[in-house]
N, C-alpha and C. Protein backbone atom coordinates (compact mmCIF):
# COMPACT_ATOMS: atom_id res chain seq x y z
N UNK A 1 2.05 1.63 -30.01
CA UNK A 1 2.89 2.10 -28.96
C UNK A 1 2.08 2.53 -27.74
N UNK A 2 2.77 2.78 -26.69
CA UNK A 2 2.15 3.21 -25.44
C UNK A 2 1.69 4.65 -25.54
N UNK A 3 0.63 4.96 -24.85
CA UNK A 3 0.09 6.31 -24.85
C UNK A 3 -0.16 6.74 -23.41
N UNK A 4 0.27 7.95 -23.05
CA UNK A 4 0.02 8.48 -21.72
C UNK A 4 -1.44 8.91 -21.64
N UNK A 5 -2.16 8.36 -20.67
CA UNK A 5 -3.57 8.68 -20.50
C UNK A 5 -3.74 9.78 -19.45
N UNK A 6 -2.96 9.71 -18.36
CA UNK A 6 -2.97 10.74 -17.32
C UNK A 6 -1.66 10.72 -16.57
N UNK A 7 -1.37 11.81 -15.88
CA UNK A 7 -0.18 11.93 -15.06
C UNK A 7 -0.60 12.37 -13.67
N UNK A 8 0.12 11.90 -12.67
CA UNK A 8 -0.15 12.30 -11.30
C UNK A 8 0.77 13.45 -10.95
N UNK A 9 0.22 14.52 -10.41
CA UNK A 9 1.01 15.69 -10.05
C UNK A 9 1.56 15.52 -8.64
N UNK A 10 2.85 15.27 -8.54
CA UNK A 10 3.50 15.20 -7.25
C UNK A 10 3.42 13.86 -6.54
N UNK A 11 2.62 12.92 -7.02
CA UNK A 11 2.51 11.62 -6.37
C UNK A 11 3.51 10.66 -6.98
N UNK A 12 4.41 10.14 -6.13
CA UNK A 12 5.43 9.22 -6.59
C UNK A 12 5.42 8.02 -5.65
N UNK A 13 5.42 6.82 -6.21
CA UNK A 13 5.51 5.62 -5.37
C UNK A 13 6.85 5.64 -4.65
N UNK A 14 6.85 5.14 -3.43
CA UNK A 14 8.09 5.08 -2.64
C UNK A 14 8.96 3.94 -3.13
N UNK A 15 9.32 3.04 -2.22
CA UNK A 15 10.17 1.90 -2.55
C UNK A 15 9.41 0.82 -3.31
N UNK A 16 8.08 0.81 -3.17
CA UNK A 16 7.27 -0.23 -3.79
C UNK A 16 6.74 0.21 -5.15
N UNK A 17 6.12 -0.73 -5.83
CA UNK A 17 5.51 -0.45 -7.12
C UNK A 17 4.00 -0.29 -6.97
N UNK A 18 3.37 0.45 -7.84
CA UNK A 18 1.91 0.50 -7.84
C UNK A 18 1.37 -0.86 -8.29
N UNK A 19 0.14 -1.16 -7.89
CA UNK A 19 -0.52 -2.39 -8.32
C UNK A 19 -1.91 -2.01 -8.81
N UNK A 20 -2.39 -2.71 -9.85
CA UNK A 20 -3.68 -2.41 -10.46
C UNK A 20 -4.61 -3.60 -10.27
N UNK A 21 -5.85 -3.30 -9.85
CA UNK A 21 -6.87 -4.34 -9.72
C UNK A 21 -8.24 -3.72 -9.87
N UNK A 22 -9.08 -4.32 -10.69
CA UNK A 22 -10.47 -3.90 -10.87
C UNK A 22 -10.63 -2.40 -11.13
N UNK A 23 -9.79 -1.87 -11.99
CA UNK A 23 -9.92 -0.48 -12.40
C UNK A 23 -9.38 0.54 -11.40
N UNK A 24 -8.64 0.07 -10.40
CA UNK A 24 -8.05 0.96 -9.40
C UNK A 24 -6.56 0.73 -9.30
N UNK A 25 -5.83 1.79 -8.97
CA UNK A 25 -4.38 1.71 -8.75
C UNK A 25 -4.13 1.95 -7.27
N UNK A 26 -3.37 1.03 -6.64
CA UNK A 26 -3.01 1.16 -5.24
C UNK A 26 -1.50 1.37 -5.17
N UNK A 27 -1.08 2.33 -4.34
CA UNK A 27 0.35 2.55 -4.15
C UNK A 27 0.59 3.23 -2.82
N UNK A 28 1.83 3.14 -2.36
CA UNK A 28 2.24 3.81 -1.13
C UNK A 28 3.35 4.79 -1.50
N UNK A 29 3.19 6.05 -1.10
CA UNK A 29 4.22 7.04 -1.42
C UNK A 29 5.35 6.97 -0.40
N UNK A 30 6.39 7.77 -0.62
CA UNK A 30 7.59 7.70 0.23
C UNK A 30 7.35 8.22 1.64
N UNK A 31 6.23 8.86 1.90
CA UNK A 31 5.93 9.34 3.25
C UNK A 31 5.03 8.38 4.03
N UNK A 32 4.69 7.22 3.43
CA UNK A 32 3.89 6.22 4.12
C UNK A 32 2.39 6.42 4.00
N UNK A 33 1.96 7.07 2.94
CA UNK A 33 0.53 7.27 2.71
C UNK A 33 0.06 6.31 1.61
N UNK A 34 -1.01 5.55 1.91
CA UNK A 34 -1.60 4.65 0.93
C UNK A 34 -2.54 5.46 0.06
N UNK A 35 -2.41 5.28 -1.24
CA UNK A 35 -3.25 5.99 -2.21
C UNK A 35 -4.03 4.99 -3.05
N UNK A 36 -5.23 5.40 -3.43
CA UNK A 36 -6.03 4.65 -4.37
C UNK A 36 -6.47 5.64 -5.45
N UNK A 37 -6.20 5.29 -6.71
CA UNK A 37 -6.53 6.15 -7.84
C UNK A 37 -7.38 5.39 -8.85
N UNK A 38 -8.20 6.12 -9.56
CA UNK A 38 -8.96 5.55 -10.67
C UNK A 38 -8.01 5.28 -11.82
N UNK A 39 -8.01 4.06 -12.33
CA UNK A 39 -7.08 3.68 -13.40
C UNK A 39 -7.29 4.50 -14.67
N UNK A 40 -8.53 4.78 -15.03
CA UNK A 40 -8.82 5.48 -16.30
C UNK A 40 -8.54 6.97 -16.24
N UNK A 41 -8.82 7.60 -15.09
CA UNK A 41 -8.73 9.06 -15.02
C UNK A 41 -7.59 9.58 -14.14
N UNK A 42 -7.09 8.73 -13.23
CA UNK A 42 -6.07 9.18 -12.28
C UNK A 42 -6.65 9.90 -11.08
N UNK A 43 -7.98 10.01 -11.02
CA UNK A 43 -8.62 10.71 -9.89
C UNK A 43 -8.36 9.95 -8.59
N UNK A 44 -7.98 10.72 -7.56
CA UNK A 44 -7.69 10.09 -6.28
C UNK A 44 -8.98 9.71 -5.56
N UNK A 45 -9.04 8.45 -5.12
CA UNK A 45 -10.18 7.95 -4.36
C UNK A 45 -9.94 8.11 -2.87
N UNK A 46 -8.70 7.85 -2.43
CA UNK A 46 -8.32 8.10 -1.04
C UNK A 46 -6.82 8.23 -0.90
N UNK A 47 -6.42 8.84 0.21
CA UNK A 47 -5.02 8.96 0.61
C UNK A 47 -5.03 8.86 2.13
N UNK A 48 -4.49 7.76 2.67
CA UNK A 48 -4.56 7.50 4.11
C UNK A 48 -3.19 7.11 4.65
N UNK A 49 -2.84 7.68 5.81
CA UNK A 49 -1.55 7.39 6.43
C UNK A 49 -1.54 5.99 7.01
N UNK A 50 -0.48 5.25 6.71
CA UNK A 50 -0.27 3.93 7.28
C UNK A 50 0.55 4.07 8.56
N UNK A 51 0.52 3.06 9.45
CA UNK A 51 1.20 3.19 10.74
C UNK A 51 2.71 3.16 10.69
N UNK A 52 3.31 2.88 9.54
CA UNK A 52 4.76 2.83 9.46
C UNK A 52 5.23 2.86 8.01
N UNK A 53 6.53 2.73 7.84
CA UNK A 53 7.15 2.72 6.52
C UNK A 53 6.79 1.45 5.76
N UNK A 54 6.47 1.59 4.48
CA UNK A 54 6.14 0.46 3.63
C UNK A 54 7.10 0.44 2.45
N UNK A 55 7.83 -0.65 2.31
CA UNK A 55 8.72 -0.82 1.16
C UNK A 55 8.17 -1.84 0.18
N UNK A 56 7.27 -2.71 0.64
CA UNK A 56 6.74 -3.78 -0.21
C UNK A 56 5.60 -3.25 -1.08
N UNK A 57 5.48 -3.83 -2.26
CA UNK A 57 4.37 -3.52 -3.14
C UNK A 57 3.08 -4.04 -2.50
N UNK A 58 2.00 -3.25 -2.50
CA UNK A 58 0.74 -3.75 -1.96
C UNK A 58 0.32 -5.03 -2.69
N UNK A 59 -0.40 -5.89 -1.98
CA UNK A 59 -0.90 -7.14 -2.56
C UNK A 59 -2.42 -7.07 -2.56
N UNK A 60 -3.04 -7.39 -3.69
CA UNK A 60 -4.49 -7.44 -3.79
C UNK A 60 -4.88 -8.90 -3.95
N UNK A 61 -5.71 -9.40 -3.02
CA UNK A 61 -6.16 -10.79 -3.07
C UNK A 61 -7.44 -10.93 -2.25
N UNK A 62 -8.35 -11.74 -2.73
CA UNK A 62 -9.56 -12.05 -1.98
C UNK A 62 -10.38 -10.84 -1.58
N UNK A 63 -10.40 -9.82 -2.43
CA UNK A 63 -11.20 -8.63 -2.14
C UNK A 63 -10.57 -7.69 -1.13
N UNK A 64 -9.28 -7.87 -0.86
CA UNK A 64 -8.58 -7.02 0.11
C UNK A 64 -7.26 -6.53 -0.47
N UNK A 65 -6.77 -5.43 0.11
CA UNK A 65 -5.44 -4.90 -0.23
C UNK A 65 -4.60 -5.02 1.04
N UNK A 66 -3.41 -5.61 0.90
CA UNK A 66 -2.50 -5.81 2.03
C UNK A 66 -1.32 -4.87 1.89
N UNK A 67 -1.14 -4.01 2.90
CA UNK A 67 -0.02 -3.07 2.94
C UNK A 67 0.92 -3.59 4.02
N UNK A 68 2.05 -4.18 3.61
CA UNK A 68 2.98 -4.82 4.54
C UNK A 68 4.06 -3.83 4.94
N UNK A 69 4.10 -3.50 6.22
CA UNK A 69 5.04 -2.51 6.72
C UNK A 69 6.42 -3.09 7.00
N UNK A 70 7.41 -2.25 6.89
CA UNK A 70 8.80 -2.63 7.15
C UNK A 70 9.00 -3.11 8.59
N UNK A 71 8.18 -2.58 9.51
CA UNK A 71 8.31 -2.93 10.92
C UNK A 71 7.46 -4.13 11.32
N UNK A 72 6.85 -4.82 10.34
CA UNK A 72 6.10 -6.03 10.63
C UNK A 72 4.61 -5.84 10.77
N UNK A 73 4.12 -4.61 10.66
CA UNK A 73 2.68 -4.37 10.77
C UNK A 73 2.06 -4.39 9.37
N UNK A 74 1.03 -5.22 9.21
CA UNK A 74 0.31 -5.30 7.94
C UNK A 74 -1.09 -4.74 8.13
N UNK A 75 -1.45 -3.79 7.28
CA UNK A 75 -2.78 -3.21 7.29
C UNK A 75 -3.56 -3.87 6.15
N UNK A 76 -4.74 -4.40 6.49
CA UNK A 76 -5.60 -5.05 5.51
C UNK A 76 -6.83 -4.16 5.32
N UNK A 77 -7.04 -3.71 4.09
CA UNK A 77 -8.19 -2.87 3.77
C UNK A 77 -9.04 -3.56 2.71
N UNK A 78 -10.33 -3.27 2.71
CA UNK A 78 -11.18 -3.79 1.65
C UNK A 78 -10.74 -3.16 0.34
N UNK A 79 -10.65 -3.97 -0.71
CA UNK A 79 -10.34 -3.43 -2.03
C UNK A 79 -11.53 -2.58 -2.47
N UNK A 80 -11.24 -1.47 -3.08
CA UNK A 80 -12.30 -0.59 -3.56
C UNK A 80 -11.93 0.86 -3.38
N UNK A 81 -12.80 1.75 -3.82
CA UNK A 81 -12.49 3.18 -3.84
C UNK A 81 -12.61 3.89 -2.49
N UNK A 82 -13.03 3.18 -1.44
CA UNK A 82 -13.14 3.81 -0.12
C UNK A 82 -12.19 3.12 0.85
N UNK A 83 -11.58 3.90 1.74
CA UNK A 83 -10.65 3.37 2.75
C UNK A 83 -11.46 2.67 3.83
N UNK A 84 -11.29 1.37 3.96
CA UNK A 84 -12.03 0.59 4.95
C UNK A 84 -11.09 -0.49 5.49
N UNK A 85 -10.45 -0.20 6.62
CA UNK A 85 -9.50 -1.14 7.22
C UNK A 85 -10.29 -2.23 7.95
N UNK A 86 -9.97 -3.48 7.64
CA UNK A 86 -10.63 -4.59 8.30
C UNK A 86 -9.74 -5.26 9.35
N UNK A 87 -8.42 -5.05 9.26
CA UNK A 87 -7.51 -5.64 10.25
C UNK A 87 -6.15 -4.94 10.19
N UNK A 88 -5.50 -4.94 11.33
CA UNK A 88 -4.10 -4.51 11.43
C UNK A 88 -3.40 -5.60 12.22
N UNK A 89 -2.43 -6.25 11.60
CA UNK A 89 -1.76 -7.39 12.21
C UNK A 89 -0.27 -7.17 12.33
N UNK A 90 0.29 -7.54 13.48
CA UNK A 90 1.75 -7.50 13.65
C UNK A 90 2.28 -8.89 13.31
N UNK A 91 3.09 -8.98 12.26
CA UNK A 91 3.65 -10.25 11.83
C UNK A 91 5.00 -10.55 12.48
N UNK A 92 5.74 -9.50 12.82
CA UNK A 92 7.01 -9.64 13.53
C UNK A 92 7.33 -8.32 14.19
N UNK A 93 8.36 -8.34 15.03
CA UNK A 93 8.79 -7.11 15.69
C UNK A 93 10.31 -7.12 15.80
N UNK A 94 10.88 -5.99 16.12
CA UNK A 94 12.33 -5.90 16.33
C UNK A 94 12.76 -6.85 17.44
N UNK A 95 11.92 -7.02 18.45
CA UNK A 95 12.24 -7.92 19.56
C UNK A 95 12.42 -9.36 19.07
N UNK A 96 11.64 -9.77 18.07
CA UNK A 96 11.78 -11.11 17.49
C UNK A 96 13.18 -11.28 16.90
N UNK A 97 13.67 -10.27 16.20
CA UNK A 97 14.99 -10.34 15.58
C UNK A 97 16.09 -10.36 16.64
N UNK A 98 15.93 -9.54 17.66
CA UNK A 98 16.93 -9.51 18.74
C UNK A 98 16.99 -10.85 19.45
N UNK A 99 15.84 -11.45 19.67
CA UNK A 99 15.77 -12.75 20.35
C UNK A 99 16.48 -13.83 19.51
N UNK A 100 16.26 -13.80 18.20
CA UNK A 100 16.90 -14.80 17.32
C UNK A 100 18.41 -14.61 17.26
N UNK A 101 18.85 -13.36 17.33
CA UNK A 101 20.30 -13.09 17.31
C UNK A 101 20.97 -13.67 18.56
N UNK A 102 20.24 -13.62 19.68
CA UNK A 102 20.79 -14.08 20.95
C UNK A 102 20.85 -15.61 21.04
N UNK A 103 20.07 -16.31 20.21
CA UNK A 103 20.03 -17.79 20.29
C UNK A 103 21.27 -18.43 19.71
């Protein structure tokens, strides 16, 4: 059966799910803070505010973690125990949606 190894005090994932890669847990809480925790101990490696609301589960690929924001901004950080943003990209904006509605 399953066994509880550790519990996080007060940290709850928001709309998205936590994701595990290379011994680390990545998640975004309901206030828009990206967290990285040690999988074995639950020790927090970082907690950093993202530029907007995130509902999507973080994606880990190619040595990076992608935090896709509800407003179209994606923050790309190096995977690992330290917060290291390598890019912030706007994939869409509210203006894009308004323009499409008008067409």
